[in-house]
């Protein structure tokens, strides 16, 4: 039973870490909009 509990916690931690990455990657581009706007020479409509 303890081994099963440990495996469940390990699985939950791993899957939650993956979910952390998904939201982090989703927010990465908007956070870089000022840099992208300057480097690409486009407006916020194009970035949006």
ModelCIF file with pLDDT and N, C-alpha, C, O atoms, coordinates in Angstrom:
data_MODEL
#
_entry.id   MODEL 
#
_entity.id                         1 
_entity.type                       polymer 
_entity.pdbx_number_of_molecules   1 
#
_entity_poly.entity_id                      1 
_entity_poly.type                           'polypeptide(L)' 
_entity_poly.nstd_linkage                   no 
_entity_poly.nstd_monomer                   no 
_entity_poly.pdbx_seq_one_letter_code       
;(UNK)(UNK)(UNK)(UNK)(UNK)(UNK)(UNK)(UNK)(UNK)(UNK)(UNK)(UNK)(UNK)(UNK)(UNK)(UNK)
(UNK)(UNK)(UNK)(UNK)(UNK)(UNK)(UNK)(UNK)(UNK)(UNK)(UNK)(UNK)(UNK)(UNK)(UNK)(UNK)
(UNK)(UNK)(UNK)(UNK)(UNK)(UNK)(UNK)(UNK)(UNK)(UNK)(UNK)(UNK)(UNK)(UNK)(UNK)(UNK)
;
_entity_poly.pdbx_seq_one_letter_code_can   XXXXXXXXXXXXXXXXXXXXXXXXXXXXXXXXXXXXXXXXXXXXXXXX 
_entity_poly.pdbx_strand_id                 A 
#
loop_
_entity_poly_seq.entity_id 
_entity_poly_seq.num 
_entity_poly_seq.mon_id 
_entity_poly_seq.hetero 
1 1  UNK n 
1 2  UNK n 
1 3  UNK n 
1 4  UNK n 
1 5  UNK n 
1 6  UNK n 
1 7  UNK n 
1 8  UNK n 
1 9  UNK n 
1 10 UNK n 
1 11 UNK n 
1 12 UNK n 
1 13 UNK n 
1 14 UNK n 
1 15 UNK n 
1 16 UNK n 
1 17 UNK n 
1 18 UNK n 
1 19 UNK n 
1 20 UNK n 
1 21 UNK n 
1 22 UNK n 
1 23 UNK n 
1 24 UNK n 
1 25 UNK n 
1 26 UNK n 
1 27 UNK n 
1 28 UNK n 
1 29 UNK n 
1 30 UNK n 
1 31 UNK n 
1 32 UNK n 
1 33 UNK n 
1 34 UNK n 
1 35 UNK n 
1 36 UNK n 
1 37 UNK n 
1 38 UNK n 
1 39 UNK n 
1 40 UNK n 
1 41 UNK n 
1 42 UNK n 
1 43 UNK n 
1 44 UNK n 
1 45 UNK n 
1 46 UNK n 
1 47 UNK n 
1 48 UNK n 
#
_struct_asym.id          A 
_struct_asym.entity_id   1 
#
loop_
_ma_qa_metric.id 
_ma_qa_metric.mode 
_ma_qa_metric.name 
_ma_qa_metric.software_group_id 
_ma_qa_metric.type 
1 global pLDDT . pLDDT 
2 local  pLDDT . pLDDT 
#
_ma_qa_metric_global.metric_id      1 
_ma_qa_metric_global.metric_value   83.48 
_ma_qa_metric_global.model_id       1 
_ma_qa_metric_global.ordinal_id     1 
#
loop_
_ma_qa_metric_local.label_asym_id 
_ma_qa_metric_local.label_comp_id 
_ma_qa_metric_local.label_seq_id 
_ma_qa_metric_local.metric_id 
_ma_qa_metric_local.metric_value 
_ma_qa_metric_local.model_id 
_ma_qa_metric_local.ordinal_id 
A UNK 1  2 57.00 1 1  
A UNK 2  2 60.00 1 2  
A UNK 3  2 57.00 1 3  
A UNK 4  2 62.00 1 4  
A UNK 5  2 68.00 1 5  
A UNK 6  2 71.00 1 6  
A UNK 7  2 79.00 1 7  
A UNK 8  2 81.00 1 8  
A UNK 9  2 84.00 1 9  
A UNK 10 2 87.00 1 10 
A UNK 11 2 87.00 1 11 
A UNK 12 2 89.00 1 12 
A UNK 13 2 90.00 1 13 
A UNK 14 2 91.00 1 14 
A UNK 15 2 92.00 1 15 
A UNK 16 2 92.00 1 16 
A UNK 17 2 94.00 1 17 
A UNK 18 2 94.00 1 18 
A UNK 19 2 93.00 1 19 
A UNK 20 2 94.00 1 20 
A UNK 21 2 95.00 1 21 
A UNK 22 2 93.00 1 22 
A UNK 23 2 89.00 1 23 
A UNK 24 2 91.00 1 24 
A UNK 25 2 92.00 1 25 
A UNK 26 2 84.00 1 26 
A UNK 27 2 82.00 1 27 
A UNK 28 2 86.00 1 28 
A UNK 29 2 84.00 1 29 
A UNK 30 2 81.00 1 30 
A UNK 31 2 80.00 1 31 
A UNK 32 2 86.00 1 32 
A UNK 33 2 80.00 1 33 
A UNK 34 2 82.00 1 34 
A UNK 35 2 89.00 1 35 
A UNK 36 2 89.00 1 36 
A UNK 37 2 86.00 1 37 
A UNK 38 2 88.00 1 38 
A UNK 39 2 92.00 1 39 
A UNK 40 2 91.00 1 40 
A UNK 41 2 90.00 1 41 
A UNK 42 2 84.00 1 42 
A UNK 43 2 81.00 1 43 
A UNK 44 2 73.00 1 44 
A UNK 45 2 75.00 1 45 
A UNK 46 2 84.00 1 46 
A UNK 47 2 81.00 1 47 
A UNK 48 2 77.00 1 48 
#
loop_
_atom_site.group_PDB 
_atom_site.id 
_atom_site.type_symbol 
_atom_site.label_atom_id 
_atom_site.label_alt_id 
_atom_site.label_comp_id 
_atom_site.label_asym_id 
_atom_site.label_entity_id 
_atom_site.label_seq_id 
_atom_site.pdbx_PDB_ins_code 
_atom_site.Cartn_x 
_atom_site.Cartn_y 
_atom_site.Cartn_z 
_atom_site.occupancy 
_atom_site.B_iso_or_equiv 
_atom_site.pdbx_formal_charge 
_atom_site.auth_seq_id 
_atom_site.auth_comp_id 
_atom_site.auth_asym_id 
_atom_site.auth_atom_id 
_atom_site.pdbx_PDB_model_num 
ATOM 1   N N  . UNK A 1 1  ? 0.830  -1.198 0.000   1.00 57.00 ? 1  UNK A N  1 
ATOM 2   C CA . UNK A 1 1  ? 0.000  0.000  0.000   1.00 57.00 ? 1  UNK A CA 1 
ATOM 3   C C  . UNK A 1 1  ? 0.867  1.252  0.000   1.00 57.00 ? 1  UNK A C  1 
ATOM 4   O O  . UNK A 1 1  ? 0.547  2.226  -0.681  1.00 57.00 ? 1  UNK A O  1 
ATOM 5   N N  . UNK A 1 2  ? 1.973  1.235  0.765   1.00 60.00 ? 2  UNK A N  1 
ATOM 6   C CA . UNK A 1 2  ? 2.873  2.370  0.799   1.00 60.00 ? 2  UNK A CA 1 
ATOM 7   C C  . UNK A 1 2  ? 3.536  2.584  -0.551  1.00 60.00 ? 2  UNK A C  1 
ATOM 8   O O  . UNK A 1 2  ? 3.697  3.719  -1.000  1.00 60.00 ? 2  UNK A O  1 
ATOM 9   N N  . UNK A 1 3  ? 3.923  1.479  -1.200  1.00 57.00 ? 3  UNK A N  1 
ATOM 10  C CA . UNK A 1 3  ? 4.545  1.587  -2.523  1.00 57.00 ? 3  UNK A CA 1 
ATOM 11  C C  . UNK A 1 3  ? 3.567  2.181  -3.536  1.00 57.00 ? 3  UNK A C  1 
ATOM 12  O O  . UNK A 1 3  ? 3.954  2.983  -4.385  1.00 57.00 ? 3  UNK A O  1 
ATOM 13  N N  . UNK A 1 4  ? 2.288  1.780  -3.438  1.00 62.00 ? 4  UNK A N  1 
ATOM 14  C CA . UNK A 1 4  ? 1.276  2.318  -4.341  1.00 62.00 ? 4  UNK A CA 1 
ATOM 15  C C  . UNK A 1 4  ? 1.082  3.813  -4.111  1.00 62.00 ? 4  UNK A C  1 
ATOM 16  O O  . UNK A 1 4  ? 0.941  4.581  -5.063  1.00 62.00 ? 4  UNK A O  1 
ATOM 17  N N  . UNK A 1 5  ? 1.075  4.224  -2.828  1.00 68.00 ? 5  UNK A N  1 
ATOM 18  C CA . UNK A 1 5  ? 0.920  5.634  -2.499  1.00 68.00 ? 5  UNK A CA 1 
ATOM 19  C C  . UNK A 1 5  ? 2.094  6.451  -3.030  1.00 68.00 ? 5  UNK A C  1 
ATOM 20  O O  . UNK A 1 5  ? 1.906  7.532  -3.588  1.00 68.00 ? 5  UNK A O  1 
ATOM 21  N N  . UNK A 1 6  ? 3.307  5.924  -2.851  1.00 71.00 ? 6  UNK A N  1 
ATOM 22  C CA . UNK A 1 6  ? 4.498  6.620  -3.342  1.00 71.00 ? 6  UNK A CA 1 
ATOM 23  C C  . UNK A 1 6  ? 4.459  6.775  -4.856  1.00 71.00 ? 6  UNK A C  1 
ATOM 24  O O  . UNK A 1 6  ? 4.820  7.825  -5.387  1.00 71.00 ? 6  UNK A O  1 
ATOM 25  N N  . UNK A 1 7  ? 4.019  5.722  -5.555  1.00 79.00 ? 7  UNK A N  1 
ATOM 26  C CA . UNK A 1 7  ? 3.932  5.787  -7.018  1.00 79.00 ? 7  UNK A CA 1 
ATOM 27  C C  . UNK A 1 7  ? 2.899  6.815  -7.456  1.00 79.00 ? 7  UNK A C  1 
ATOM 28  O O  . UNK A 1 7  ? 3.108  7.530  -8.436  1.00 79.00 ? 7  UNK A O  1 
ATOM 29  N N  . UNK A 1 8  ? 1.771  6.893  -6.725  1.00 81.00 ? 8  UNK A N  1 
ATOM 30  C CA . UNK A 1 8  ? 0.738  7.870  -7.063  1.00 81.00 ? 8  UNK A CA 1 
ATOM 31  C C  . UNK A 1 8  ? 1.241  9.291  -6.875  1.00 81.00 ? 8  UNK A C  1 
ATOM 32  O O  . UNK A 1 8  ? 0.993  10.160 -7.711  1.00 81.00 ? 8  UNK A O  1 
ATOM 33  N N  . UNK A 1 9  ? 1.954  9.528  -5.767  1.00 84.00 ? 9  UNK A N  1 
ATOM 34  C CA . UNK A 1 9  ? 2.491  10.869 -5.515  1.00 84.00 ? 9  UNK A CA 1 
ATOM 35  C C  . UNK A 1 9  ? 3.537  11.247 -6.559  1.00 84.00 ? 9  UNK A C  1 
ATOM 36  O O  . UNK A 1 9  ? 3.607  12.398 -6.989  1.00 84.00 ? 9  UNK A O  1 
ATOM 37  N N  . UNK A 1 10 ? 4.346  10.274 -6.963  1.00 87.00 ? 10 UNK A N  1 
ATOM 38  C CA . UNK A 1 10 ? 5.362  10.535 -7.979  1.00 87.00 ? 10 UNK A CA 1 
ATOM 39  C C  . UNK A 1 10 ? 4.703  10.870 -9.317  1.00 87.00 ? 10 UNK A C  1 
ATOM 40  O O  . UNK A 1 10 ? 5.144  11.768 -10.035 1.00 87.00 ? 10 UNK A O  1 
ATOM 41  N N  . UNK A 1 11 ? 3.655  10.141 -9.633  1.00 87.00 ? 11 UNK A N  1 
ATOM 42  C CA . UNK A 1 11 ? 2.920  10.408 -10.876 1.00 87.00 ? 11 UNK A CA 1 
ATOM 43  C C  . UNK A 1 11 ? 2.273  11.787 -10.842 1.00 87.00 ? 11 UNK A C  1 
ATOM 44  O O  . UNK A 1 11 ? 2.346  12.531 -11.819 1.00 87.00 ? 11 UNK A O  1 
ATOM 45  N N  . UNK A 1 12 ? 1.638  12.133 -9.718  1.00 89.00 ? 12 UNK A N  1 
ATOM 46  C CA . UNK A 1 12 ? 0.981  13.435 -9.585  1.00 89.00 ? 12 UNK A CA 1 
ATOM 47  C C  . UNK A 1 12 ? 1.999  14.563 -9.719  1.00 89.00 ? 12 UNK A C  1 
ATOM 48  O O  . UNK A 1 12 ? 1.734  15.558 -10.393 1.00 89.00 ? 12 UNK A O  1 
ATOM 49  N N  . UNK A 1 13 ? 3.164  14.416 -9.082  1.00 90.00 ? 13 UNK A N  1 
ATOM 50  C CA . UNK A 1 13 ? 4.199  15.454 -9.170  1.00 90.00 ? 13 UNK A CA 1 
ATOM 51  C C  . UNK A 1 13 ? 4.690  15.609 -10.607 1.00 90.00 ? 13 UNK A C  1 
ATOM 52  O O  . UNK A 1 13 ? 4.906  16.727 -11.075 1.00 90.00 ? 13 UNK A O  1 
ATOM 53  N N  . UNK A 1 14 ? 4.868  14.491 -11.305 1.00 91.00 ? 14 UNK A N  1 
ATOM 54  C CA . UNK A 1 14 ? 5.369  14.547 -12.682 1.00 91.00 ? 14 UNK A CA 1 
ATOM 55  C C  . UNK A 1 14 ? 4.354  15.189 -13.619 1.00 91.00 ? 14 UNK A C  1 
ATOM 56  O O  . UNK A 1 14 ? 4.709  16.045 -14.429 1.00 91.00 ? 14 UNK A O  1 
ATOM 57  N N  . UNK A 1 15 ? 3.097  14.779 -13.513 1.00 92.00 ? 15 UNK A N  1 
ATOM 58  C CA . UNK A 1 15 ? 2.067  15.322 -14.397 1.00 92.00 ? 15 UNK A CA 1 
ATOM 59  C C  . UNK A 1 15 ? 1.811  16.797 -14.087 1.00 92.00 ? 15 UNK A C  1 
ATOM 60  O O  . UNK A 1 15 ? 1.570  17.588 -14.998 1.00 92.00 ? 15 UNK A O  1 
ATOM 61  N N  . UNK A 1 16 ? 1.863  17.167 -12.819 1.00 92.00 ? 16 UNK A N  1 
ATOM 62  C CA . UNK A 1 16 ? 1.681  18.575 -12.446 1.00 92.00 ? 16 UNK A CA 1 
ATOM 63  C C  . UNK A 1 16 ? 2.827  19.429 -12.976 1.00 92.00 ? 16 UNK A C  1 
ATOM 64  O O  . UNK A 1 16 ? 2.614  20.573 -13.377 1.00 92.00 ? 16 UNK A O  1 
ATOM 65  N N  . UNK A 1 17 ? 4.039  18.883 -12.980 1.00 94.00 ? 17 UNK A N  1 
ATOM 66  C CA . UNK A 1 17 ? 5.181  19.608 -13.550 1.00 94.00 ? 17 UNK A CA 1 
ATOM 67  C C  . UNK A 1 17 ? 4.965  19.862 -15.039 1.00 94.00 ? 17 UNK A C  1 
ATOM 68  O O  . UNK A 1 17 ? 5.256  20.951 -15.534 1.00 94.00 ? 17 UNK A O  1 
ATOM 69  N N  . UNK A 1 18 ? 4.457  18.866 -15.746 1.00 94.00 ? 18 UNK A N  1 
ATOM 70  C CA . UNK A 1 18 ? 4.156  19.048 -17.172 1.00 94.00 ? 18 UNK A CA 1 
ATOM 71  C C  . UNK A 1 18 ? 3.115  20.141 -17.369 1.00 94.00 ? 18 UNK A C  1 
ATOM 72  O O  . UNK A 1 18 ? 3.223  20.941 -18.299 1.00 94.00 ? 18 UNK A O  1 
ATOM 73  N N  . UNK A 1 19 ? 2.102  20.181 -16.495 1.00 93.00 ? 19 UNK A N  1 
ATOM 74  C CA . UNK A 1 19 ? 1.072  21.214 -16.601 1.00 93.00 ? 19 UNK A CA 1 
ATOM 75  C C  . UNK A 1 19 ? 1.654  22.593 -16.312 1.00 93.00 ? 19 UNK A C  1 
ATOM 76  O O  . UNK A 1 19 ? 1.241  23.583 -16.916 1.00 93.00 ? 19 UNK A O  1 
ATOM 77  N N  . UNK A 1 20 ? 2.606  22.658 -15.394 1.00 94.00 ? 20 UNK A N  1 
ATOM 78  C CA . UNK A 1 20 ? 3.313  23.910 -15.125 1.00 94.00 ? 20 UNK A CA 1 
ATOM 79  C C  . UNK A 1 20 ? 3.984  24.418 -16.401 1.00 94.00 ? 20 UNK A C  1 
ATOM 80  O O  . UNK A 1 20 ? 3.908  25.603 -16.723 1.00 94.00 ? 20 UNK A O  1 
ATOM 81  N N  . UNK A 1 21 ? 4.640  23.509 -17.121 1.00 95.00 ? 21 UNK A N  1 
ATOM 82  C CA . UNK A 1 21 ? 5.337  23.879 -18.353 1.00 95.00 ? 21 UNK A CA 1 
ATOM 83  C C  . UNK A 1 21 ? 4.348  24.410 -19.392 1.00 95.00 ? 21 UNK A C  1 
ATOM 84  O O  . UNK A 1 21 ? 4.647  25.376 -20.093 1.00 95.00 ? 21 UNK A O  1 
ATOM 85  N N  . UNK A 1 22 ? 3.178  23.787 -19.493 1.00 93.00 ? 22 UNK A N  1 
ATOM 86  C CA . UNK A 1 22 ? 2.207  24.205 -20.514 1.00 93.00 ? 22 UNK A CA 1 
ATOM 87  C C  . UNK A 1 22 ? 1.796  25.653 -20.308 1.00 93.00 ? 22 UNK A C  1 
ATOM 88  O O  . UNK A 1 22 ? 1.733  26.414 -21.274 1.00 93.00 ? 22 UNK A O  1 
ATOM 89  N N  . UNK A 1 23 ? 1.514  26.055 -19.065 1.00 89.00 ? 23 UNK A N  1 
ATOM 90  C CA . UNK A 1 23 ? 1.109  27.436 -18.802 1.00 89.00 ? 23 UNK A CA 1 
ATOM 91  C C  . UNK A 1 23 ? 2.298  28.386 -18.914 1.00 89.00 ? 23 UNK A C  1 
ATOM 92  O O  . UNK A 1 23 ? 2.135  29.527 -19.347 1.00 89.00 ? 23 UNK A O  1 
ATOM 93  N N  . UNK A 1 24 ? 3.479  27.936 -18.532 1.00 91.00 ? 24 UNK A N  1 
ATOM 94  C CA . UNK A 1 24 ? 4.680  28.755 -18.667 1.00 91.00 ? 24 UNK A CA 1 
ATOM 95  C C  . UNK A 1 24 ? 4.961  29.061 -20.131 1.00 91.00 ? 24 UNK A C  1 
ATOM 96  O O  . UNK A 1 24 ? 5.242  30.207 -20.483 1.00 91.00 ? 24 UNK A O  1 
ATOM 97  N N  . UNK A 1 25 ? 4.888  28.041 -20.990 1.00 92.00 ? 25 UNK A N  1 
ATOM 98  C CA . UNK A 1 25 ? 5.124  28.242 -22.423 1.00 92.00 ? 25 UNK A CA 1 
ATOM 99  C C  . UNK A 1 25 ? 4.047  29.140 -23.043 1.00 92.00 ? 25 UNK A C  1 
ATOM 100 O O  . UNK A 1 25 ? 4.345  29.954 -23.916 1.00 92.00 ? 25 UNK A O  1 
ATOM 101 N N  . UNK A 1 26 ? 2.800  28.990 -22.592 1.00 84.00 ? 26 UNK A N  1 
ATOM 102 C CA . UNK A 1 26 ? 1.721  29.818 -23.120 1.00 84.00 ? 26 UNK A CA 1 
ATOM 103 C C  . UNK A 1 26 ? 1.960  31.296 -22.830 1.00 84.00 ? 26 UNK A C  1 
ATOM 104 O O  . UNK A 1 26 ? 1.633  32.155 -23.649 1.00 84.00 ? 26 UNK A O  1 
ATOM 105 N N  . UNK A 1 27 ? 2.536  31.591 -21.651 1.00 82.00 ? 27 UNK A N  1 
ATOM 106 C CA . UNK A 1 27 ? 2.753  32.984 -21.253 1.00 82.00 ? 27 UNK A CA 1 
ATOM 107 C C  . UNK A 1 27 ? 4.069  33.542 -21.773 1.00 82.00 ? 27 UNK A C  1 
ATOM 108 O O  . UNK A 1 27 ? 4.266  34.756 -21.746 1.00 82.00 ? 27 UNK A O  1 
ATOM 109 N N  . UNK A 1 28 ? 4.977  32.691 -22.248 1.00 86.00 ? 28 UNK A N  1 
ATOM 110 C CA . UNK A 1 28 ? 6.311  33.156 -22.647 1.00 86.00 ? 28 UNK A CA 1 
ATOM 111 C C  . UNK A 1 28 ? 6.238  34.155 -23.802 1.00 86.00 ? 28 UNK A C  1 
ATOM 112 O O  . UNK A 1 28 ? 6.890  35.199 -23.756 1.00 86.00 ? 28 UNK A O  1 
ATOM 113 N N  . UNK A 1 29 ? 5.449  33.845 -24.839 1.00 84.00 ? 29 UNK A N  1 
ATOM 114 C CA . UNK A 1 29 ? 5.379  34.744 -25.991 1.00 84.00 ? 29 UNK A CA 1 
ATOM 115 C C  . UNK A 1 29 ? 4.804  36.115 -25.638 1.00 84.00 ? 29 UNK A C  1 
ATOM 116 O O  . UNK A 1 29 ? 5.417  37.121 -25.996 1.00 84.00 ? 29 UNK A O  1 
ATOM 117 N N  . UNK A 1 30 ? 3.649  36.211 -24.949 1.00 81.00 ? 30 UNK A N  1 
ATOM 118 C CA . UNK A 1 30 ? 3.134  37.541 -24.597 1.00 81.00 ? 30 UNK A CA 1 
ATOM 119 C C  . UNK A 1 30 ? 4.124  38.362 -23.767 1.00 81.00 ? 30 UNK A C  1 
ATOM 120 O O  . UNK A 1 30 ? 4.198  39.581 -23.921 1.00 81.00 ? 30 UNK A O  1 
ATOM 121 N N  . UNK A 1 31 ? 4.879  37.705 -22.895 1.00 80.00 ? 31 UNK A N  1 
ATOM 122 C CA . UNK A 1 31 ? 5.836  38.428 -22.071 1.00 80.00 ? 31 UNK A CA 1 
ATOM 123 C C  . UNK A 1 31 ? 6.979  39.010 -22.917 1.00 80.00 ? 31 UNK A C  1 
ATOM 124 O O  . UNK A 1 31 ? 7.637  39.966 -22.508 1.00 80.00 ? 31 UNK A O  1 
ATOM 125 N N  . UNK A 1 32 ? 7.201  38.428 -24.083 1.00 86.00 ? 32 UNK A N  1 
ATOM 126 C CA . UNK A 1 32 ? 8.270  38.893 -24.964 1.00 86.00 ? 32 UNK A CA 1 
ATOM 127 C C  . UNK A 1 32 ? 7.759  39.797 -26.086 1.00 86.00 ? 32 UNK A C  1 
ATOM 128 O O  . UNK A 1 32 ? 8.514  40.117 -27.005 1.00 86.00 ? 32 UNK A O  1 
ATOM 129 N N  . UNK A 1 33 ? 6.509  40.209 -26.028 1.00 80.00 ? 33 UNK A N  1 
ATOM 130 C CA . UNK A 1 33 ? 5.950  41.062 -27.078 1.00 80.00 ? 33 UNK A CA 1 
ATOM 131 C C  . UNK A 1 33 ? 6.755  42.354 -27.300 1.00 80.00 ? 33 UNK A C  1 
ATOM 132 O O  . UNK A 1 33 ? 6.998  42.709 -28.454 1.00 80.00 ? 33 UNK A O  1 
ATOM 133 N N  . UNK A 1 34 ? 7.177  43.067 -26.251 1.00 82.00 ? 34 UNK A N  1 
ATOM 134 C CA . UNK A 1 34 ? 7.969  44.279 -26.513 1.00 82.00 ? 34 UNK A CA 1 
ATOM 135 C C  . UNK A 1 34 ? 9.246  43.982 -27.312 1.00 82.00 ? 34 UNK A C  1 
ATOM 136 O O  . UNK A 1 34 ? 9.593  44.724 -28.231 1.00 82.00 ? 34 UNK A O  1 
ATOM 137 N N  . UNK A 1 35 ? 9.935  42.902 -26.961 1.00 89.00 ? 35 UNK A N  1 
ATOM 138 C CA . UNK A 1 35 ? 11.140 42.495 -27.697 1.00 89.00 ? 35 UNK A CA 1 
ATOM 139 C C  . UNK A 1 35 ? 10.803 42.107 -29.128 1.00 89.00 ? 35 UNK A C  1 
ATOM 140 O O  . UNK A 1 35 ? 11.482 42.524 -30.067 1.00 89.00 ? 35 UNK A O  1 
ATOM 141 N N  . UNK A 1 36 ? 9.749  41.304 -29.293 1.00 89.00 ? 36 UNK A N  1 
ATOM 142 C CA . UNK A 1 36 ? 9.377  40.852 -30.631 1.00 89.00 ? 36 UNK A CA 1 
ATOM 143 C C  . UNK A 1 36 ? 8.917  42.015 -31.504 1.00 89.00 ? 36 UNK A C  1 
ATOM 144 O O  . UNK A 1 36 ? 9.219  42.062 -32.696 1.00 89.00 ? 36 UNK A O  1 
ATOM 145 N N  . UNK A 1 37 ? 8.192  42.943 -30.910 1.00 86.00 ? 37 UNK A N  1 
ATOM 146 C CA . UNK A 1 37 ? 7.711  44.107 -31.678 1.00 86.00 ? 37 UNK A CA 1 
ATOM 147 C C  . UNK A 1 37 ? 8.890  44.916 -32.217 1.00 86.00 ? 37 UNK A C  1 
ATOM 148 O O  . UNK A 1 37 ? 8.884  45.351 -33.369 1.00 86.00 ? 37 UNK A O  1 
ATOM 149 N N  . UNK A 1 38 ? 9.885  45.108 -31.384 1.00 88.00 ? 38 UNK A N  1 
ATOM 150 C CA . UNK A 1 38 ? 11.044 45.889 -31.793 1.00 88.00 ? 38 UNK A CA 1 
ATOM 151 C C  . UNK A 1 38 ? 11.877 45.158 -32.847 1.00 88.00 ? 38 UNK A C  1 
ATOM 152 O O  . UNK A 1 38 ? 12.308 45.760 -33.829 1.00 88.00 ? 38 UNK A O  1 
ATOM 153 N N  . UNK A 1 39 ? 12.099 43.870 -32.641 1.00 92.00 ? 39 UNK A N  1 
ATOM 154 C CA . UNK A 1 39 ? 12.961 43.114 -33.543 1.00 92.00 ? 39 UNK A CA 1 
ATOM 155 C C  . UNK A 1 39 ? 12.296 42.823 -34.891 1.00 92.00 ? 39 UNK A C  1 
ATOM 156 O O  . UNK A 1 39 ? 12.957 42.815 -35.930 1.00 92.00 ? 39 UNK A O  1 
ATOM 157 N N  . UNK A 1 40 ? 10.993 42.587 -34.862 1.00 91.00 ? 40 UNK A N  1 
ATOM 158 C CA . UNK A 1 40 ? 10.290 42.203 -36.088 1.00 91.00 ? 40 UNK A CA 1 
ATOM 159 C C  . UNK A 1 40 ? 9.700  43.401 -36.824 1.00 91.00 ? 40 UNK A C  1 
ATOM 160 O O  . UNK A 1 40 ? 9.343  43.282 -37.996 1.00 91.00 ? 40 UNK A O  1 
ATOM 161 N N  . UNK A 1 41 ? 9.592  44.546 -36.166 1.00 90.00 ? 41 UNK A N  1 
ATOM 162 C CA . UNK A 1 41 ? 9.031  45.728 -36.808 1.00 90.00 ? 41 UNK A CA 1 
ATOM 163 C C  . UNK A 1 41 ? 7.561  45.585 -37.149 1.00 90.00 ? 41 UNK A C  1 
ATOM 164 O O  . UNK A 1 41 ? 7.113  46.062 -38.192 1.00 90.00 ? 41 UNK A O  1 
ATOM 165 N N  . UNK A 1 42 ? 6.802  44.927 -36.268 1.00 84.00 ? 42 UNK A N  1 
ATOM 166 C CA . UNK A 1 42 ? 5.367  44.736 -36.497 1.00 84.00 ? 42 UNK A CA 1 
ATOM 167 C C  . UNK A 1 42 ? 4.589  45.397 -35.364 1.00 84.00 ? 42 UNK A C  1 
ATOM 168 O O  . UNK A 1 42 ? 5.166  45.808 -34.358 1.00 84.00 ? 42 UNK A O  1 
ATOM 169 N N  . UNK A 1 43 ? 3.276  45.494 -35.540 1.00 81.00 ? 43 UNK A N  1 
ATOM 170 C CA . UNK A 1 43 ? 2.417  46.076 -34.525 1.00 81.00 ? 43 UNK A CA 1 
ATOM 171 C C  . UNK A 1 43 ? 1.829  45.012 -33.616 1.00 81.00 ? 43 UNK A C  1 
ATOM 172 O O  . UNK A 1 43 ? 2.047  43.816 -33.808 1.00 81.00 ? 43 UNK A O  1 
ATOM 173 N N  . UNK A 1 44 ? 1.079  45.469 -32.621 1.00 73.00 ? 44 UNK A N  1 
ATOM 174 C CA . UNK A 1 44 ? 0.468  44.541 -31.680 1.00 73.00 ? 44 UNK A CA 1 
ATOM 175 C C  . UNK A 1 44 ? -0.644 43.719 -32.326 1.00 73.00 ? 44 UNK A C  1 
ATOM 176 O O  . UNK A 1 44 ? -0.960 42.628 -31.852 1.00 73.00 ? 44 UNK A O  1 
ATOM 177 N N  . UNK A 1 45 ? -1.237 44.230 -33.400 1.00 75.00 ? 45 UNK A N  1 
ATOM 178 C CA . UNK A 1 45 ? -2.253 43.440 -34.095 1.00 75.00 ? 45 UNK A CA 1 
ATOM 179 C C  . UNK A 1 45 ? -1.616 42.183 -34.684 1.00 75.00 ? 45 UNK A C  1 
ATOM 180 O O  . UNK A 1 45 ? -2.166 41.088 -34.572 1.00 75.00 ? 45 UNK A O  1 
ATOM 181 N N  . UNK A 1 46 ? -0.453 42.350 -35.312 1.00 84.00 ? 46 UNK A N  1 
ATOM 182 C CA . UNK A 1 46 ? 0.247  41.194 -35.879 1.00 84.00 ? 46 UNK A CA 1 
ATOM 183 C C  . UNK A 1 46 ? 0.684  40.221 -34.776 1.00 84.00 ? 46 UNK A C  1 
ATOM 184 O O  . UNK A 1 46 ? 0.617  39.004 -34.949 1.00 84.00 ? 46 UNK A O  1 
ATOM 185 N N  . UNK A 1 47 ? 1.130  40.770 -33.646 1.00 81.00 ? 47 UNK A N  1 
ATOM 186 C CA . UNK A 1 47 ? 1.528  39.904 -32.534 1.00 81.00 ? 47 UNK A CA 1 
ATOM 187 C C  . UNK A 1 47 ? 0.307  39.200 -31.932 1.00 81.00 ? 47 UNK A C  1 
ATOM 188 O O  . UNK A 1 47 ? 0.366  38.023 -31.575 1.00 81.00 ? 47 UNK A O  1 
ATOM 189 N N  . UNK A 1 48 ? -0.797 39.943 -31.827 1.00 77.00 ? 48 UNK A N  1 
ATOM 190 C CA . UNK A 1 48 ? -2.021 39.326 -31.317 1.00 77.00 ? 48 UNK A CA 1 
ATOM 191 C C  . UNK A 1 48 ? -2.534 38.226 -32.223 1.00 77.00 ? 48 UNK A C  1 
ATOM 192 O O  . UNK A 1 48 ? -3.559 37.610 -31.928 1.00 77.00 ? 48 UNK A O  1 
#
